[in-house]
């Protein structure tokens, strides 16, 4: 299979929602500069989803002459933009932020179940090791975690060259009594199943530039526990429970286990269901492609008008 990670999903949704006749005036390259040759006939845009510290970006962005090659840079968060601006002096006058988005979810029905269902649906290197450590420390016996995690999301070749290093994690997940390791399922299936869960547990040890899995979980109406690392606070705002990030992963697992127990004790009590309904309404609005369609369309039309005025 071909890669179908967050970047590829966002690119597909852009072309689903925004007028393709308008898009046809542009060549939009995602993340890695010049992986598609620059167009002589179209307006060149680099849509940056990757972090400033990725090895395949540093040399290109360190050469300021390269910055002239693209007509505009679009970043998926202010955190991402600021990192590129500070490190590489990306030209501010041709940079903008348009955040990622997802398709709307139906209203979640909040019902107490026998088990509190947790989900992890991200790549293994983003904190699965910490979460499995936390699950061994959780005291609540009515907590169950489903793990949807694999390198398959980035395609067959990526899996072939990278999956072996995570097999120990997969085996650990399979061996834990309160964890079900499911592995890879496509994004469409994840979206169908998300609302079966109560809590998205994401002890991120990776500097996210946005985080599609978080946007999806919050839009689906799940409560969330995560770390205050990278762009996660910008993406998730005040809605999740945050655990202070630390490079000591044993301590991080302890903090995460404590937070899981605490959240599970109050998850469906008091005003929490109303809080989660407000959260879902916010994300279904602000992070929907209905809204992002308008933002992209206005941005592209303005850029096209400016380009034509100079001809």
Protein backbone atom coordinates (compact mmCIF):
# COMPACT_ATOMS: atom_id res chain seq x y z
CA UNK A 1 0.00 0.00 0.00
CA UNK A 2 0.98 3.64 -0.48
CA UNK A 3 1.54 5.95 2.51
CA UNK A 4 -1.65 7.33 4.04
CA UNK A 5 -0.56 9.22 7.13
CA UNK A 6 -1.89 12.53 8.38
CA UNK A 7 -0.22 14.58 5.64
CA UNK A 8 -1.65 12.45 2.85
CA UNK A 9 -5.11 12.52 4.45
CA UNK A 10 -5.01 16.33 4.73
CA UNK A 11 -3.92 16.65 1.09
CA UNK A 12 -6.79 14.44 -0.04
CA UNK A 13 -9.32 16.42 2.00
CA UNK A 14 -8.03 19.69 0.56
CA UNK A 15 -8.81 18.42 -2.93
CA UNK A 16 -12.16 17.03 -1.75
CA UNK A 17 -13.42 20.29 -0.27
CA UNK A 18 -11.74 23.12 -2.20
CA UNK A 19 -12.73 23.96 -5.78
CA UNK A 20 -10.38 21.97 -8.00
CA UNK A 21 -10.49 24.63 -10.73
CA UNK A 22 -9.03 27.06 -8.20
CA UNK A 23 -6.48 24.50 -6.98
CA UNK A 24 -5.38 23.88 -10.56
CA UNK A 25 -3.60 27.24 -10.52
CA UNK A 26 -1.24 25.99 -7.82
CA UNK A 27 1.33 23.31 -7.26
CA UNK A 28 1.10 22.39 -3.58
CA UNK A 29 3.99 20.34 -2.25
CA UNK A 30 3.70 18.82 1.21
CA UNK A 31 6.51 19.08 3.76
CA UNK A 32 9.63 18.05 1.79
CA UNK A 33 10.81 20.85 -0.52
CA UNK A 34 11.25 19.98 -4.18
CA UNK A 35 10.13 16.36 -3.82
CA UNK A 36 7.99 17.47 -6.75
CA UNK A 37 9.88 19.67 -9.24
CA UNK A 38 8.90 23.32 -9.03
CA UNK A 39 6.32 24.37 -11.61
CA UNK A 40 7.10 27.09 -14.14
CA UNK A 41 3.43 27.64 -14.95
CA UNK A 42 1.75 27.51 -11.54
CA UNK A 43 2.07 29.23 -8.17
CA UNK A 44 4.29 27.08 -5.96
CA UNK A 45 3.22 26.51 -2.36
CA UNK A 46 5.03 24.46 0.27
CA UNK A 47 2.51 23.12 2.81
CA UNK A 48 4.63 22.33 5.84
CA UNK A 49 3.42 19.52 8.11
CA UNK A 50 6.80 18.26 9.35
CA UNK A 51 8.90 19.51 12.23
CA UNK A 52 11.77 21.96 11.83
CA UNK A 53 14.31 19.39 13.08
CA UNK A 54 13.68 16.65 10.51
CA UNK A 55 16.97 15.61 8.84
CA UNK A 56 15.50 15.76 5.33
CA UNK A 57 14.57 19.44 5.81
CA UNK A 58 17.49 21.03 7.61
CA UNK A 59 19.96 21.41 4.73
CA UNK A 60 17.39 22.84 2.32
CA UNK A 61 15.96 25.36 4.78
CA UNK A 62 19.43 26.35 6.06
CA UNK A 63 20.23 27.71 2.59
CA UNK A 64 18.34 31.02 2.50
CA UNK A 65 18.57 31.15 -1.29
CA UNK A 66 16.15 28.24 -1.35
CA UNK A 67 13.49 30.30 0.41
CA UNK A 68 12.93 32.25 -2.83
CA UNK A 69 11.89 29.11 -4.69
CA UNK A 70 8.38 28.95 -3.28
CA UNK A 71 5.79 31.69 -3.71
CA UNK A 72 4.23 30.96 -0.33
CA UNK A 73 4.65 28.75 2.74
CA UNK A 74 1.67 27.36 4.62
CA UNK A 75 2.24 25.98 8.13
CA UNK A 76 -0.16 23.72 10.01
CA UNK A 77 0.22 25.52 13.36
CA UNK A 78 1.67 28.70 14.81
CA UNK A 79 4.09 26.52 16.78
CA UNK A 80 5.37 25.01 13.53
CA UNK A 81 5.66 28.40 11.83
CA UNK A 82 7.51 29.98 14.76
CA UNK A 83 10.01 27.12 14.88
CA UNK A 84 10.83 27.54 11.16
CA UNK A 85 10.89 31.32 11.47
CA UNK A 86 13.29 31.33 14.41
CA UNK A 87 15.60 28.62 13.15
CA UNK A 88 15.67 29.30 9.41
CA UNK A 89 14.44 32.91 9.13
CA UNK A 90 11.61 31.92 6.82
CA UNK A 91 10.29 35.10 5.15
CA UNK A 92 7.28 36.32 7.13
CA UNK A 93 5.74 38.18 4.19
CA UNK A 94 5.08 34.94 2.34
CA UNK A 95 4.14 32.67 5.23
CA UNK A 96 0.77 31.87 6.75
CA UNK A 97 -0.85 29.41 9.14
CA UNK A 98 -3.83 27.29 8.10
CA UNK A 99 -4.53 24.60 10.65
CA UNK A 100 -5.34 20.99 9.90
CA UNK A 101 -8.93 19.82 10.04
CA UNK A 102 -11.10 16.72 9.99
CA UNK A 103 -14.55 15.83 8.76
CA UNK A 104 -17.36 16.24 11.27
CA UNK A 105 -18.41 13.53 13.72
CA UNK A 106 -21.98 12.86 14.87
CA UNK A 107 -22.86 13.85 18.42
CA UNK A 108 -21.42 11.35 20.88
CA UNK A 109 -23.81 9.58 23.25
CA UNK A 110 -22.27 9.49 26.73
CA UNK A 111 -23.15 6.22 28.42
CA UNK A 112 -21.37 4.62 31.36
CA UNK A 113 -20.07 1.15 30.48
CA UNK A 114 -18.68 -1.76 32.50
CA UNK A 115 -15.19 -0.95 31.22
CA UNK A 116 -13.60 2.43 30.63
CA UNK A 117 -12.36 2.10 27.06
CA UNK A 118 -9.05 3.76 26.21
CA UNK A 119 -7.57 4.13 22.73
CA UNK A 120 -4.10 4.79 21.32
CA UNK A 121 -4.20 5.34 17.54
CA UNK A 122 -0.86 6.82 16.63
CA UNK A 123 2.53 5.55 15.48
CA UNK A 124 4.59 3.49 17.95
CA UNK A 125 7.41 6.01 18.36
CA UNK A 126 5.13 8.77 19.61
CA UNK A 127 4.77 7.40 23.14
CA UNK A 128 3.44 3.86 23.01
CA UNK A 129 6.34 2.70 25.20
CA UNK A 130 5.31 5.18 27.90
CA UNK A 131 1.65 4.24 27.70
CA UNK A 132 2.35 0.51 28.02
CA UNK A 133 4.45 1.29 31.06
CA UNK A 134 1.57 3.32 32.50
CA UNK A 135 -0.92 0.50 31.89
CA UNK A 136 1.16 -1.74 34.15
CA UNK A 137 0.79 0.84 36.95
CA UNK A 138 -2.90 1.71 36.57
CA UNK A 139 -4.84 0.65 39.68
CA UNK A 140 -8.34 0.71 38.19
CA UNK A 141 -9.23 -2.84 37.13
CA UNK A 142 -12.06 -1.65 34.88
CA UNK A 143 -9.78 0.09 32.39
CA UNK A 144 -9.01 -1.44 28.99
CA UNK A 145 -6.75 -0.04 26.27
CA UNK A 146 -6.98 -0.82 22.54
CA UNK A 147 -3.80 -0.09 20.58
CA UNK A 148 -4.05 0.74 16.88
CA UNK A 149 -0.40 1.28 16.06
CA UNK A 150 1.91 0.21 13.25
CA UNK A 151 4.43 1.58 10.77
CA UNK A 152 2.13 0.33 7.99
CA UNK A 153 0.48 3.75 7.86
CA UNK A 154 3.49 5.07 5.93
CA UNK A 155 3.37 2.34 3.31
CA UNK A 156 4.84 -1.08 2.61
CA UNK A 157 8.40 0.07 2.07
CA UNK A 158 8.47 2.11 5.27
CA UNK A 159 7.13 -0.84 7.22
CA UNK A 160 9.67 -3.18 5.64
CA UNK A 161 12.57 -1.02 6.78
CA UNK A 162 11.27 0.20 10.16
CA UNK A 163 8.76 -2.17 11.73
CA UNK A 164 11.19 -4.66 13.26
CA UNK A 165 12.42 -2.16 15.87
CA UNK A 166 8.90 -1.92 17.33
CA UNK A 167 8.01 -5.60 17.44
CA UNK A 168 9.05 -5.77 21.09
CA UNK A 169 6.48 -3.07 21.88
CA UNK A 170 3.78 -4.94 19.98
CA UNK A 171 4.57 -8.13 21.89
CA UNK A 172 4.51 -6.27 25.19
CA UNK A 173 1.07 -4.88 24.33
CA UNK A 174 -0.23 -8.35 23.47
CA UNK A 175 1.03 -9.72 26.80
CA UNK A 176 -0.62 -7.14 29.06
CA UNK A 177 -3.99 -8.22 30.50
CA UNK A 178 -5.56 -4.74 30.23
CA UNK A 179 -4.33 -4.06 26.68
CA UNK A 180 -5.56 -5.29 23.28
CA UNK A 181 -3.07 -4.89 20.46
CA UNK A 182 -4.93 -4.50 17.17
CA UNK A 183 -2.26 -3.03 14.92
CA UNK A 184 -2.98 -1.20 11.69
CA UNK A 185 -6.42 -0.24 10.47
CA UNK A 186 -7.06 2.56 7.98
CA UNK A 187 -8.24 6.01 8.99
CA UNK A 188 -11.78 5.42 7.78
CA UNK A 189 -12.11 2.46 10.14
CA UNK A 190 -10.59 4.44 13.04
CA UNK A 191 -13.18 7.16 12.49
CA UNK A 192 -16.00 4.60 12.54
CA UNK A 193 -14.80 3.14 15.84
CA UNK A 194 -13.59 6.22 17.74
CA UNK A 195 -16.88 6.95 19.46
CA UNK A 196 -16.86 3.49 21.05
CA UNK A 197 -14.09 4.83 23.32
CA UNK A 198 -14.09 7.07 26.37
CA UNK A 199 -10.54 8.34 26.57
CA UNK A 200 -7.66 9.01 24.16
CA UNK A 201 -4.36 8.41 25.95
CA UNK A 202 -1.45 10.04 24.15
CA UNK A 203 1.74 10.43 26.22
CA UNK A 204 3.51 12.09 23.33
CA UNK A 205 7.30 12.05 23.38
CA UNK A 206 7.37 13.46 19.84
CA UNK A 207 7.15 17.18 19.02
CA UNK A 208 3.88 17.25 17.14
CA UNK A 209 3.40 20.11 14.70
CA UNK A 210 -0.38 19.70 14.88
CA UNK A 211 -1.68 16.15 15.66
CA UNK A 212 -4.48 14.70 13.54
CA UNK A 213 -5.16 11.86 15.98
CA UNK A 214 -5.82 14.40 18.76
CA UNK A 215 -8.11 16.52 16.56
CA UNK A 216 -10.08 13.42 15.58
CA UNK A 217 -10.42 12.19 19.16
CA UNK A 218 -11.53 15.57 20.49
CA UNK A 219 -13.95 16.04 17.59
CA UNK A 220 -15.40 12.58 18.26
CA UNK A 221 -16.13 13.63 21.85
CA UNK A 222 -13.48 11.63 23.70
CA UNK A 223 -11.80 12.96 26.80
CA UNK A 224 -8.01 13.09 26.40
CA UNK A 225 -4.83 12.82 28.46
CA UNK A 226 -1.64 14.01 26.79
CA UNK A 227 1.68 15.75 27.37
CA UNK A 228 2.29 19.49 27.06
CA UNK A 229 4.86 18.95 24.30
CA UNK A 230 5.32 20.48 20.85
CA UNK A 231 2.16 21.98 19.33
CA UNK A 232 -0.21 19.85 21.41
CA UNK A 233 -1.30 22.68 23.68
CA UNK A 234 -2.09 24.85 20.65
CA UNK A 235 -4.05 22.06 18.99
CA UNK A 236 -5.84 20.78 22.08
CA UNK A 237 -6.17 24.03 24.02
CA UNK A 238 -7.79 23.69 27.47
CA UNK A 239 -9.77 20.52 26.77
CA UNK A 240 -7.46 17.62 27.74
CA UNK A 241 -5.77 16.71 30.98
CA UNK A 242 -2.08 17.56 30.54
CA UNK A 243 0.85 15.69 32.01
CA UNK A 244 4.12 17.59 32.20
CA UNK A 245 6.54 16.19 29.65
CA UNK A 246 9.79 14.75 30.94
CA UNK A 247 12.57 12.83 29.22
CA UNK A 248 12.51 10.39 32.13
CA UNK A 249 10.02 7.99 30.57
CA UNK A 250 9.64 5.93 33.75
CA UNK A 251 8.50 9.04 35.61
CA UNK A 252 6.28 10.00 32.69
CA UNK A 253 4.62 6.56 32.80
CA UNK A 254 3.96 6.99 36.54
CA UNK A 255 2.43 10.42 36.00
CA UNK A 256 0.32 9.09 33.15
CA UNK A 257 -0.92 6.10 35.16
CA UNK A 258 -1.96 8.44 37.98
CA UNK A 259 -3.82 10.66 35.51
CA UNK A 260 -5.63 7.68 33.96
CA UNK A 261 -6.85 6.55 37.38
CA UNK A 262 -7.94 10.09 38.29
CA UNK A 263 -9.82 10.72 35.04
CA UNK A 264 -11.53 7.33 35.11
CA UNK A 265 -12.86 8.10 38.59
CA UNK A 266 -14.74 11.22 37.44
CA UNK A 267 -15.25 10.61 33.71
CA UNK A 268 -19.05 10.41 33.72
CA UNK A 269 -19.76 12.35 36.90
CA UNK A 270 -21.02 15.87 37.47
CA UNK A 271 -20.49 18.32 34.63
CA UNK A 272 -17.97 16.21 32.67
CA UNK A 273 -20.46 14.97 30.01
CA UNK A 274 -21.56 18.57 29.38
CA UNK A 275 -17.91 19.63 29.19
CA UNK A 276 -17.24 16.95 26.55
CA UNK A 277 -20.32 18.00 24.57
CA UNK A 278 -19.00 21.57 24.47
CA UNK A 279 -15.59 20.25 23.46
CA UNK A 280 -17.10 18.25 20.59
CA UNK A 281 -19.17 21.20 19.40
CA UNK A 282 -16.05 23.41 19.39
CA UNK A 283 -13.96 20.95 17.36
CA UNK A 284 -16.80 20.09 14.97
CA UNK A 285 -16.88 23.81 14.19
CA UNK A 286 -13.36 25.18 14.44
CA UNK A 287 -11.51 22.10 13.17
CA UNK A 288 -13.98 21.07 10.46
CA UNK A 289 -13.21 21.07 6.76
CA UNK A 290 -16.36 23.14 6.25
CA UNK A 291 -14.49 25.98 7.97
CA UNK A 292 -11.08 25.14 6.52
CA UNK A 293 -12.53 25.09 2.99
CA UNK A 294 -13.37 28.77 3.35
CA UNK A 295 -9.94 29.65 4.77
CA UNK A 296 -8.08 27.84 2.01
CA UNK A 297 -10.34 29.24 -0.72
CA UNK A 298 -9.91 32.85 0.45
CA UNK A 299 -6.15 32.41 0.80
CA UNK A 300 -5.70 30.83 -2.64
CA UNK A 301 -7.99 33.27 -4.42
CA UNK A 302 -6.16 36.21 -2.87
CA UNK A 303 -2.80 34.78 -3.86
CA UNK A 304 -4.04 34.14 -7.40
CA UNK A 305 -5.43 37.68 -7.70
CA UNK A 306 -2.12 39.13 -6.54
CA UNK A 307 -0.21 36.95 -9.01
CA UNK A 308 -2.42 37.99 -11.93
CA UNK A 309 -2.13 41.67 -11.05
CA UNK A 310 1.63 41.45 -11.60
CA UNK A 311 1.38 39.90 -15.07
